[in-house]
Amino acid sequence: MSYRLIARAREQFERQFARKDAEFSKRESSIRKMRDALAKTRKAIDAEIARKLRAERTSIAKSEAKKVRRALASDLTERDRRLAELQRNLNANKSKLADAQKAQAEVMRKARELDECQT
């Protein structure tokens, strides 16, 4: 009788062990599948982030290039305005110099005439 009781207990224990082992294997398989899916998702997310970063870098580079072009155009416009102003000032100064030289020549001519008249 104790042999049968031990045999039944052993069978029951082996069935429980087999059931627990099957559950464990099932969970382990499920965890492995979830880990694989997570790794696949992580790779997809990393690829999407890399794609978005490339797109954002390109967008930023274009935006910065536009800013530089605008600033350069503004600088060139200011330079052209200053150059035109300096050119006008130079022309005015040349005109004043020519007038002053003519006036000086006239004074010198009159001084010579006066000297010639006195002599």
Protein backbone atom coordinates (compact mmCIF):
# COMPACT_ATOMS: atom_id res chain seq x y z
CA MET A 1 0.00 0.00 0.00
CA SER A 2 2.72 2.49 0.82
CA TYR A 3 4.35 1.54 -2.45
CA ARG A 4 1.19 2.48 -4.33
CA LEU A 5 0.84 5.67 -2.32
CA ILE A 6 4.42 6.59 -3.10
CA ALA A 7 3.90 5.69 -6.77
CA ARG A 8 0.76 7.84 -6.95
CA ALA A 9 2.50 10.71 -5.23
CA ARG A 10 5.42 10.31 -7.61
CA GLU A 11 3.11 10.28 -10.64
CA GLN A 12 1.24 13.28 -9.34
CA PHE A 13 4.52 15.08 -8.67
CA GLU A 14 5.86 14.17 -12.13
CA ARG A 15 2.63 15.43 -13.76
CA GLN A 16 2.83 18.67 -11.80
CA PHE A 17 6.51 18.96 -12.68
CA ALA A 18 5.79 18.28 -16.36
CA ARG A 19 2.94 20.83 -16.31
CA LYS A 20 5.13 23.43 -14.58
CA ASP A 21 7.98 22.64 -17.00
CA ALA A 22 5.61 23.09 -19.96
CA GLU A 23 4.31 26.37 -18.49
CA PHE A 24 7.88 27.50 -17.91
CA SER A 25 8.86 26.59 -21.47
CA LYS A 26 5.78 28.37 -22.76
CA ARG A 27 6.62 31.51 -20.73
CA GLU A 28 10.25 31.31 -21.78
CA SER A 29 9.19 31.06 -25.43
CA SER A 30 6.77 33.95 -24.99
CA ILE A 31 9.48 36.06 -23.33
CA ARG A 32 11.92 35.20 -26.12
CA LYS A 33 9.34 36.23 -28.73
CA MET A 34 8.62 39.46 -26.88
CA ARG A 35 12.38 40.16 -26.57
CA ASP A 36 12.82 39.55 -30.31
CA ALA A 37 9.83 41.78 -31.10
CA LEU A 38 11.20 44.44 -28.75
CA ALA A 39 14.61 44.27 -30.42
CA LYS A 40 12.96 44.55 -33.83
CA THR A 41 10.88 47.51 -32.65
CA ARG A 42 13.94 49.15 -31.11
CA LYS A 43 15.81 48.80 -34.41
CA ALA A 44 12.85 50.30 -36.27
CA ILE A 45 12.69 53.19 -33.80
CA ASP A 46 16.45 53.76 -34.09
CA ALA A 47 16.17 53.79 -37.87
CA GLU A 48 13.25 56.25 -37.71
CA ILE A 49 15.16 58.52 -35.32
CA ALA A 50 18.20 58.43 -37.60
CA ARG A 51 16.01 59.29 -40.60
CA LYS A 52 14.37 62.16 -38.75
CA LEU A 53 17.75 63.43 -37.56
CA ARG A 54 19.07 63.44 -41.12
CA ALA A 55 15.97 65.29 -42.30
CA GLU A 56 16.19 67.79 -39.43
CA ARG A 57 19.91 68.37 -40.04
CA THR A 58 19.18 69.02 -43.70
CA SER A 59 16.37 71.40 -42.76
CA ILE A 60 18.58 73.24 -40.27
CA ALA A 61 21.41 73.49 -42.78
CA LYS A 62 19.04 74.95 -45.40
CA SER A 63 17.60 77.39 -42.88
CA GLU A 64 21.05 78.52 -41.74
CA ALA A 65 22.17 78.89 -45.36
CA LYS A 66 19.17 81.14 -46.03
CA LYS A 67 20.02 83.24 -42.98
CA VAL A 68 23.61 83.58 -44.15
CA ARG A 69 22.49 84.55 -47.66
CA ARG A 70 20.11 87.18 -46.25
CA ALA A 71 22.81 88.57 -43.97
CA LEU A 72 25.31 88.60 -46.83
CA ALA A 73 22.81 90.31 -49.13
CA SER A 74 22.14 92.89 -46.43
CA ASP A 75 25.89 93.43 -45.96
CA LEU A 76 26.37 93.80 -49.72
CA THR A 77 23.49 96.27 -49.96
CA GLU A 78 24.97 98.32 -47.10
CA ARG A 79 28.40 98.17 -48.73
CA ASP A 80 26.96 99.37 -52.05
CA ARG A 81 25.10 102.20 -50.29
CA ARG A 82 28.29 103.28 -48.48
CA LEU A 83 30.30 103.04 -51.69
CA ALA A 84 27.78 105.25 -53.53
CA GLU A 85 27.87 107.74 -50.65
CA LEU A 86 31.66 107.81 -50.68
CA GLN A 87 31.64 108.24 -54.46
CA ARG A 88 29.25 111.22 -54.14
CA ASN A 89 31.51 112.73 -51.45
CA LEU A 90 34.57 112.20 -53.64
CA ASN A 91 32.89 113.84 -56.63
CA ALA A 92 31.79 116.78 -54.45
CA ASN A 93 35.32 117.16 -53.09
CA LYS A 94 36.77 117.00 -56.60
CA SER A 95 34.35 119.71 -57.72
CA LYS A 96 35.25 121.89 -54.72
CA LEU A 97 38.95 121.34 -55.39
CA ALA A 98 38.51 122.32 -59.04
CA ASP A 99 36.61 125.46 -57.98
CA ALA A 100 39.29 126.30 -55.42
CA GLN A 101 42.05 125.76 -58.00
CA LYS A 102 40.22 127.99 -60.48
CA ALA A 103 39.79 130.66 -57.80
CA GLN A 104 43.46 130.41 -56.87
CA ALA A 105 44.48 130.64 -60.51
CA GLU A 106 42.24 133.69 -60.89
CA VAL A 107 43.79 135.28 -57.78
CA MET A 108 47.27 134.55 -59.09
CA ARG A 109 46.39 135.95 -62.50
CA LYS A 110 44.99 139.14 -60.93
CA ALA A 111 48.05 139.39 -58.67
CA ARG A 112 50.30 139.16 -61.76
CA GLU A 113 48.20 141.75 -63.57
CA LEU A 114 48.45 144.03 -60.55
CA ASP A 115 52.21 143.50 -60.39
CA GLU A 116 52.50 144.24 -64.10
CA CYS A 117 50.41 147.38 -63.73
CA GLN A 118 52.58 148.61 -60.85
CA THR A 119 55.75 148.11 -62.74
